[in-house]
Amino acid sequence: MTTGAVGRMDERQRKTRCALHEALGRLVNRMDYADIGVSLLAQEAGVGRPTFYRHYAGVDALLVDRLREDLDRQREWAARLVASDIPLREAHLAVSRYALELIATQPRLYHALLNGSAGTNAVTLFKDQIARLPTMAPYLAQADRAGSAGLAVGVIAGAVSGFLLAWIESGLTPPPARAAELMVDFLQL
């Protein structure tokens, strides 16, 4: 579901969507993502299968919607930081720390997305996010002048995906604040 579609949902639809997101989070903490099916998810959320399918094509679509919601909030946070005129490095650190702290609350959910078991290519989602993050605008403008903005976005998205997966697989060490510093340093942002 797109962000625009979310804005047009009535309260009942928002509650159903929220219940499905929460059910996915609970289930992924108890079992492998690959073992979560629509029937189990619907039961956990307290909705019927037809209701699930009115909202999502499958479990992977629900996971992607969940991630898109997080990415939307991250972009909003980045826009506020850029508008506040803090130094760009500090904005990158804050946006990265925000993402890492969010991931730390649901590492198994993000692991399923990043390791490919969700059937969704996380790099594709991150490419879109990086291209739209206000904190990335100066770098992408410079790359665009050199005719390489698309390549820059792809490289950064791949590096971020790899970094996040390695961080999750290392047991979320170092802590989010230090991991954010490392990520920004590695990417030379």
C-alpha atoms as a PDB file:
ATOM      1  CA  MET A   1       0.000   0.000   0.000  1.00  0.00           C
ATOM      2  CA  THR A   2       1.375   3.409  -0.854  1.00  0.00           C
ATOM      3  CA  THR A   3       1.667   6.288   1.561  1.00  0.00           C
ATOM      4  CA  GLY A   4      -1.126   8.081  -0.325  1.00  0.00           C
ATOM      5  CA  ALA A   5      -3.360   5.040   0.018  1.00  0.00           C
ATOM      6  CA  VAL A   6      -2.665   5.000   3.755  1.00  0.00           C
ATOM      7  CA  GLY A   7      -3.912   8.578   4.035  1.00  0.00           C
ATOM      8  CA  ARG A   8      -7.208   7.590   2.392  1.00  0.00           C
ATOM      9  CA  MET A   9      -7.896   4.649   4.717  1.00  0.00           C
ATOM     10  CA  ASP A  10     -10.662   4.858   7.263  1.00  0.00           C
ATOM     11  CA  GLU A  11     -10.050   4.141  10.950  1.00  0.00           C
ATOM     12  CA  ARG A  12     -11.087   0.485  10.652  1.00  0.00           C
ATOM     13  CA  GLN A  13      -8.638  -0.085   7.804  1.00  0.00           C
ATOM     14  CA  ARG A  14      -5.836   1.625   9.744  1.00  0.00           C
ATOM     15  CA  LYS A  15      -6.549  -0.563  12.786  1.00  0.00           C
ATOM     16  CA  THR A  16      -6.481  -3.711  10.638  1.00  0.00           C
ATOM     17  CA  ARG A  17      -3.230  -2.672   9.010  1.00  0.00           C
ATOM     18  CA  CYS A  18      -1.705  -1.879  12.405  1.00  0.00           C
ATOM     19  CA  ALA A  19      -2.863  -5.236  13.785  1.00  0.00           C
ATOM     20  CA  LEU A  20      -1.236  -7.029  10.847  1.00  0.00           C
ATOM     21  CA  HIS A  21       2.041  -5.106  11.290  1.00  0.00           C
ATOM     22  CA  GLU A  22       2.086  -5.925  15.000  1.00  0.00           C
ATOM     23  CA  ALA A  23       1.221  -9.576  14.367  1.00  0.00           C
ATOM     24  CA  LEU A  24       4.101  -9.864  11.899  1.00  0.00           C
ATOM     25  CA  GLY A  25       6.468  -8.382  14.478  1.00  0.00           C
ATOM     26  CA  ARG A  26       5.338 -10.812  17.166  1.00  0.00           C
ATOM     27  CA  LEU A  27       5.507 -13.847  14.889  1.00  0.00           C
ATOM     28  CA  VAL A  28       8.926 -13.051  13.456  1.00  0.00           C
ATOM     29  CA  ASN A  29      10.267 -12.850  17.020  1.00  0.00           C
ATOM     30  CA  ARG A  30       8.928 -16.357  17.741  1.00  0.00           C
ATOM     31  CA  MET A  31       9.705 -18.181  14.508  1.00  0.00           C
ATOM     32  CA  ASP A  32      11.566 -18.061  11.217  1.00  0.00           C
ATOM     33  CA  TYR A  33      10.123 -15.673   8.703  1.00  0.00           C
ATOM     34  CA  ALA A  34       9.859 -18.451   6.099  1.00  0.00           C
ATOM     35  CA  ASP A  35       7.450 -20.329   8.401  1.00  0.00           C
ATOM     36  CA  ILE A  36       4.973 -17.445   8.648  1.00  0.00           C
ATOM     37  CA  GLY A  37       1.975 -17.883   6.386  1.00  0.00           C
ATOM     38  CA  VAL A  38      -1.103 -15.794   5.739  1.00  0.00           C
ATOM     39  CA  SER A  39      -3.364 -18.026   7.847  1.00  0.00           C
ATOM     40  CA  LEU A  40      -1.102 -17.820  10.881  1.00  0.00           C
ATOM     41  CA  LEU A  41      -0.609 -14.087  10.438  1.00  0.00           C
ATOM     42  CA  ALA A  42      -4.342 -13.425  10.078  1.00  0.00           C
ATOM     43  CA  GLN A  43      -5.068 -15.530  13.158  1.00  0.00           C
ATOM     44  CA  GLU A  44      -2.399 -13.708  15.179  1.00  0.00           C
ATOM     45  CA  ALA A  45      -3.851 -10.349  14.082  1.00  0.00           C
ATOM     46  CA  GLY A  46      -7.424 -11.412  14.820  1.00  0.00           C
ATOM     47  CA  VAL A  47      -8.611 -10.984  11.241  1.00  0.00           C
ATOM     48  CA  GLY A  48      -9.755 -13.370   8.546  1.00  0.00           C
ATOM     49  CA  ARG A  49      -7.737 -14.400   5.497  1.00  0.00           C
ATOM     50  CA  PRO A  50     -10.012 -12.426   3.146  1.00  0.00           C
ATOM     51  CA  THR A  51      -9.372  -9.318   5.242  1.00  0.00           C
ATOM     52  CA  PHE A  52      -5.629  -9.912   5.011  1.00  0.00           C
ATOM     53  CA  TYR A  53      -5.856 -10.214   1.236  1.00  0.00           C
ATOM     54  CA  ARG A  54      -7.875  -6.999   0.983  1.00  0.00           C
ATOM     55  CA  HIS A  55      -4.789  -5.254   2.334  1.00  0.00           C
ATOM     56  CA  TYR A  56      -1.832  -7.297   1.045  1.00  0.00           C
ATOM     57  CA  ALA A  57      -0.989  -9.774  -1.712  1.00  0.00           C
ATOM     58  CA  GLY A  58       1.051 -11.874   0.722  1.00  0.00           C
ATOM     59  CA  VAL A  59       3.345 -11.875   3.734  1.00  0.00           C
ATOM     60  CA  ASP A  60       6.221 -10.334   1.762  1.00  0.00           C
ATOM     61  CA  ALA A  61       4.002  -7.414   0.725  1.00  0.00           C
ATOM     62  CA  LEU A  62       3.127  -6.831   4.384  1.00  0.00           C
ATOM     63  CA  LEU A  63       6.821  -6.806   5.307  1.00  0.00           C
ATOM     64  CA  VAL A  64       7.623  -4.321   2.537  1.00  0.00           C
ATOM     65  CA  ASP A  65       4.731  -2.095   3.656  1.00  0.00           C
ATOM     66  CA  ARG A  66       6.077  -2.228   7.202  1.00  0.00           C
ATOM     67  CA  LEU A  67       9.521  -1.185   6.009  1.00  0.00           C
ATOM     68  CA  ARG A  68       8.122   1.594   3.825  1.00  0.00           C
ATOM     69  CA  GLU A  69       6.359   3.026   6.862  1.00  0.00           C
ATOM     70  CA  ASP A  70       9.692   3.111   8.718  1.00  0.00           C
ATOM     71  CA  LEU A  71      11.437   4.658   5.709  1.00  0.00           C
ATOM     72  CA  ASP A  72       8.757   7.364   5.479  1.00  0.00           C
ATOM     73  CA  ARG A  73       9.361   8.301   9.119  1.00  0.00           C
ATOM     74  CA  GLN A  74      13.113   8.350   8.519  1.00  0.00           C
ATOM     75  CA  ARG A  75      12.686  10.737   5.561  1.00  0.00           C
ATOM     76  CA  GLU A  76      10.478  13.021   7.669  1.00  0.00           C
ATOM     77  CA  TRP A  77      13.144  13.055  10.386  1.00  0.00           C
ATOM     78  CA  ALA A  78      15.859  13.815   7.822  1.00  0.00           C
ATOM     79  CA  ALA A  79      13.812  16.695   6.387  1.00  0.00           C
ATOM     80  CA  ARG A  80      13.430  18.227   9.859  1.00  0.00           C
ATOM     81  CA  LEU A  81      17.178  17.927  10.450  1.00  0.00           C
ATOM     82  CA  VAL A  82      18.068  19.541   7.129  1.00  0.00           C
ATOM     83  CA  ALA A  83      15.589  22.364   7.803  1.00  0.00           C
ATOM     84  CA  SER A  84      17.229  22.977  11.189  1.00  0.00           C
ATOM     85  CA  ASP A  85      20.550  23.808   9.494  1.00  0.00           C
ATOM     86  CA  ILE A  86      22.666  21.456  11.599  1.00  0.00           C
ATOM     87  CA  PRO A  87      25.943  20.386   9.970  1.00  0.00           C
ATOM     88  CA  LEU A  88      25.404  17.697   7.332  1.00  0.00           C
ATOM     89  CA  ARG A  89      27.620  15.127   9.074  1.00  0.00           C
ATOM     90  CA  GLU A  90      25.565  15.537  12.258  1.00  0.00           C
ATOM     91  CA  ALA A  91      22.380  15.084  10.228  1.00  0.00           C
ATOM     92  CA  HIS A  92      23.776  11.887   8.665  1.00  0.00           C
ATOM     93  CA  LEU A  93      24.713  10.576  12.097  1.00  0.00           C
ATOM     94  CA  ALA A  94      21.254  11.362  13.496  1.00  0.00           C
ATOM     95  CA  VAL A  95      19.423   9.773  10.547  1.00  0.00           C
ATOM     96  CA  SER A  96      21.660   6.693  10.695  1.00  0.00           C
ATOM     97  CA  ARG A  97      21.293   6.380  14.467  1.00  0.00           C
ATOM     98  CA  TYR A  98      17.507   6.686  14.093  1.00  0.00           C
ATOM     99  CA  ALA A  99      17.480   3.817  11.583  1.00  0.00           C
ATOM    100  CA  LEU A 100      19.772   1.622  13.673  1.00  0.00           C
ATOM    101  CA  GLU A 101      17.750   2.193  16.839  1.00  0.00           C
ATOM    102  CA  LEU A 102      14.599   1.247  14.935  1.00  0.00           C
ATOM    103  CA  ILE A 103      16.230  -1.894  13.555  1.00  0.00           C
ATOM    104  CA  ALA A 104      17.393  -2.822  17.066  1.00  0.00           C
ATOM    105  CA  THR A 105      13.742  -3.009  18.175  1.00  0.00           C
ATOM    106  CA  GLN A 106      12.918  -5.659  15.520  1.00  0.00           C
ATOM    107  CA  PRO A 107      16.205  -7.217  14.331  1.00  0.00           C
ATOM    108  CA  ARG A 108      14.629 -10.465  13.132  1.00  0.00           C
ATOM    109  CA  LEU A 109      12.130  -8.561  11.005  1.00  0.00           C
ATOM    110  CA  TYR A 110      14.890  -6.567   9.324  1.00  0.00           C
ATOM    111  CA  HIS A 111      17.104  -9.625   9.033  1.00  0.00           C
ATOM    112  CA  ALA A 112      14.396 -11.355   6.971  1.00  0.00           C
ATOM    113  CA  LEU A 113      14.268  -8.378   4.664  1.00  0.00           C
ATOM    114  CA  LEU A 114      18.020  -7.888   4.358  1.00  0.00           C
ATOM    115  CA  ASN A 115      19.063 -11.521   3.935  1.00  0.00           C
ATOM    116  CA  GLY A 116      16.633 -12.120   1.074  1.00  0.00           C
ATOM    117  CA  SER A 117      14.391 -14.634   2.853  1.00  0.00           C
ATOM    118  CA  ALA A 118      11.475 -12.228   2.416  1.00  0.00           C
ATOM    119  CA  GLY A 119      11.827 -12.489  -1.339  1.00  0.00           C
ATOM    120  CA  THR A 120      12.219  -8.728  -1.546  1.00  0.00           C
ATOM    121  CA  ASN A 121      15.417  -7.060  -2.624  1.00  0.00           C
ATOM    122  CA  ALA A 122      16.253  -4.654   0.195  1.00  0.00           C
ATOM    123  CA  VAL A 123      18.780  -2.872  -1.995  1.00  0.00           C
ATOM    124  CA  THR A 124      15.964  -1.754  -4.306  1.00  0.00           C
ATOM    125  CA  LEU A 125      14.041  -0.282  -1.376  1.00  0.00           C
ATOM    126  CA  PHE A 126      17.163   1.410  -0.031  1.00  0.00           C
ATOM    127  CA  LYS A 127      18.021   2.850  -3.462  1.00  0.00           C
ATOM    128  CA  ASP A 128      14.687   4.639  -3.484  1.00  0.00           C
ATOM    129  CA  GLN A 129      15.198   5.790   0.104  1.00  0.00           C
ATOM    130  CA  ILE A 130      18.692   7.133  -0.516  1.00  0.00           C
ATOM    131  CA  ALA A 131      17.565   8.968  -3.639  1.00  0.00           C
ATOM    132  CA  ARG A 132      14.806  10.654  -1.600  1.00  0.00           C
ATOM    133  CA  LEU A 133      16.605  11.367   1.704  1.00  0.00           C
ATOM    134  CA  PRO A 134      17.071  15.118   2.139  1.00  0.00           C
ATOM    135  CA  THR A 135      20.447  14.553   3.822  1.00  0.00           C
ATOM    136  CA  MET A 136      21.744  12.894   0.622  1.00  0.00           C
ATOM    137  CA  ALA A 137      20.789  15.762  -1.716  1.00  0.00           C
ATOM    138  CA  PRO A 138      24.221  17.497  -1.729  1.00  0.00           C
ATOM    139  CA  TYR A 139      26.062  14.246  -2.557  1.00  0.00           C
ATOM    140  CA  LEU A 140      23.613  13.223  -5.227  1.00  0.00           C
ATOM    141  CA  ALA A 141      23.691  16.677  -6.814  1.00  0.00           C
ATOM    142  CA  GLN A 142      27.479  16.432  -7.062  1.00  0.00           C
ATOM    143  CA  ALA A 143      27.248  12.914  -8.518  1.00  0.00           C
ATOM    144  CA  ASP A 144      24.547  14.092 -10.933  1.00  0.00           C
ATOM    145  CA  ARG A 145      26.854  16.812 -12.260  1.00  0.00           C
ATOM    146  CA  ALA A 146      29.377  14.055 -12.990  1.00  0.00           C
ATOM    147  CA  GLY A 147      26.653  11.970 -14.651  1.00  0.00           C
ATOM    148  CA  SER A 148      26.852   9.233 -12.038  1.00  0.00           C
ATOM    149  CA  ALA A 149      23.977   9.841  -9.598  1.00  0.00           C
ATOM    150  CA  GLY A 150      22.374   6.467 -10.392  1.00  0.00           C
ATOM    151  CA  LEU A 151      25.638   4.665  -9.750  1.00  0.00           C
ATOM    152  CA  ALA A 152      26.197   6.584  -6.515  1.00  0.00           C
ATOM    153  CA  VAL A 153      22.729   5.654  -5.246  1.00  0.00           C
ATOM    154  CA  GLY A 154      23.299   1.983  -6.125  1.00  0.00           C
ATOM    155  CA  VAL A 155      26.690   1.818  -4.425  1.00  0.00           C
ATOM    156  CA  ILE A 156      25.436   3.522  -1.272  1.00  0.00           C
ATOM    157  CA  ALA A 157      22.299   1.339  -1.134  1.00  0.00           C
ATOM    158  CA  GLY A 158      24.340  -1.835  -1.480  1.00  0.00           C
ATOM    159  CA  ALA A 159      26.809  -0.684   1.162  1.00  0.00           C
ATOM    160  CA  VAL A 160      24.038   0.292   3.592  1.00  0.00           C
ATOM    161  CA  SER A 161      22.229  -3.039   3.080  1.00  0.00           C
ATOM    162  CA  GLY A 162      25.438  -4.974   3.626  1.00  0.00           C
ATOM    163  CA  PHE A 163      26.375  -2.944   6.682  1.00  0.00           C
ATOM    164  CA  LEU A 164      22.933  -3.388   8.270  1.00  0.00           C
ATOM    165  CA  LEU A 165      22.874  -7.135   7.642  1.00  0.00           C
ATOM    166  CA  ALA A 166      26.377  -7.557   9.094  1.00  0.00           C
ATOM    167  CA  TRP A 167      25.413  -5.431  12.098  1.00  0.00           C
ATOM    168  CA  ILE A 168      22.304  -7.515  12.796  1.00  0.00           C
ATOM    169  CA  GLU A 169      24.253 -10.760  12.367  1.00  0.00           C
ATOM    170  CA  SER A 170      26.928  -9.496  14.783  1.00  0.00           C
ATOM    171  CA  GLY A 171      24.298  -9.271  17.522  1.00  0.00           C
ATOM    172  CA  LEU A 172      23.687  -5.513  17.120  1.00  0.00           C
ATOM    173  CA  THR A 173      27.218  -4.664  18.184  1.00  0.00           C
ATOM    174  CA  PRO A 174      28.463  -2.052  18.483  1.00  0.00           C
ATOM    175  CA  PRO A 175      25.492  -0.139  19.929  1.00  0.00           C
ATOM    176  CA  PRO A 176      23.432   1.985  17.496  1.00  0.00           C
ATOM    177  CA  ALA A 177      25.185   5.309  18.198  1.00  0.00           C
ATOM    178  CA  ARG A 178      28.655   3.847  17.539  1.00  0.00           C
ATOM    179  CA  ALA A 179      27.399   1.788  14.571  1.00  0.00           C
ATOM    180  CA  ALA A 180      25.980   4.997  13.067  1.00  0.00           C
ATOM    181  CA  GLU A 181      29.391   6.663  13.358  1.00  0.00           C
ATOM    182  CA  LEU A 182      31.047   3.707  11.667  1.00  0.00           C
ATOM    183  CA  MET A 183      28.506   3.622   8.845  1.00  0.00           C
ATOM    184  CA  VAL A 184      28.844   7.346   8.155  1.00  0.00           C
ATOM    185  CA  ASP A 185      32.648   7.051   8.290  1.00  0.00           C
ATOM    186  CA  PHE A 186      32.742   3.981   6.015  1.00  0.00           C
ATOM    187  CA  LEU A 187      30.513   5.733   3.481  1.00  0.00           C
ATOM    188  CA  GLN A 188      32.534   8.941   3.856  1.00  0.00           C
ATOM    189  CA  LEU A 189      29.425  11.042   4.322  1.00  0.00           C
END
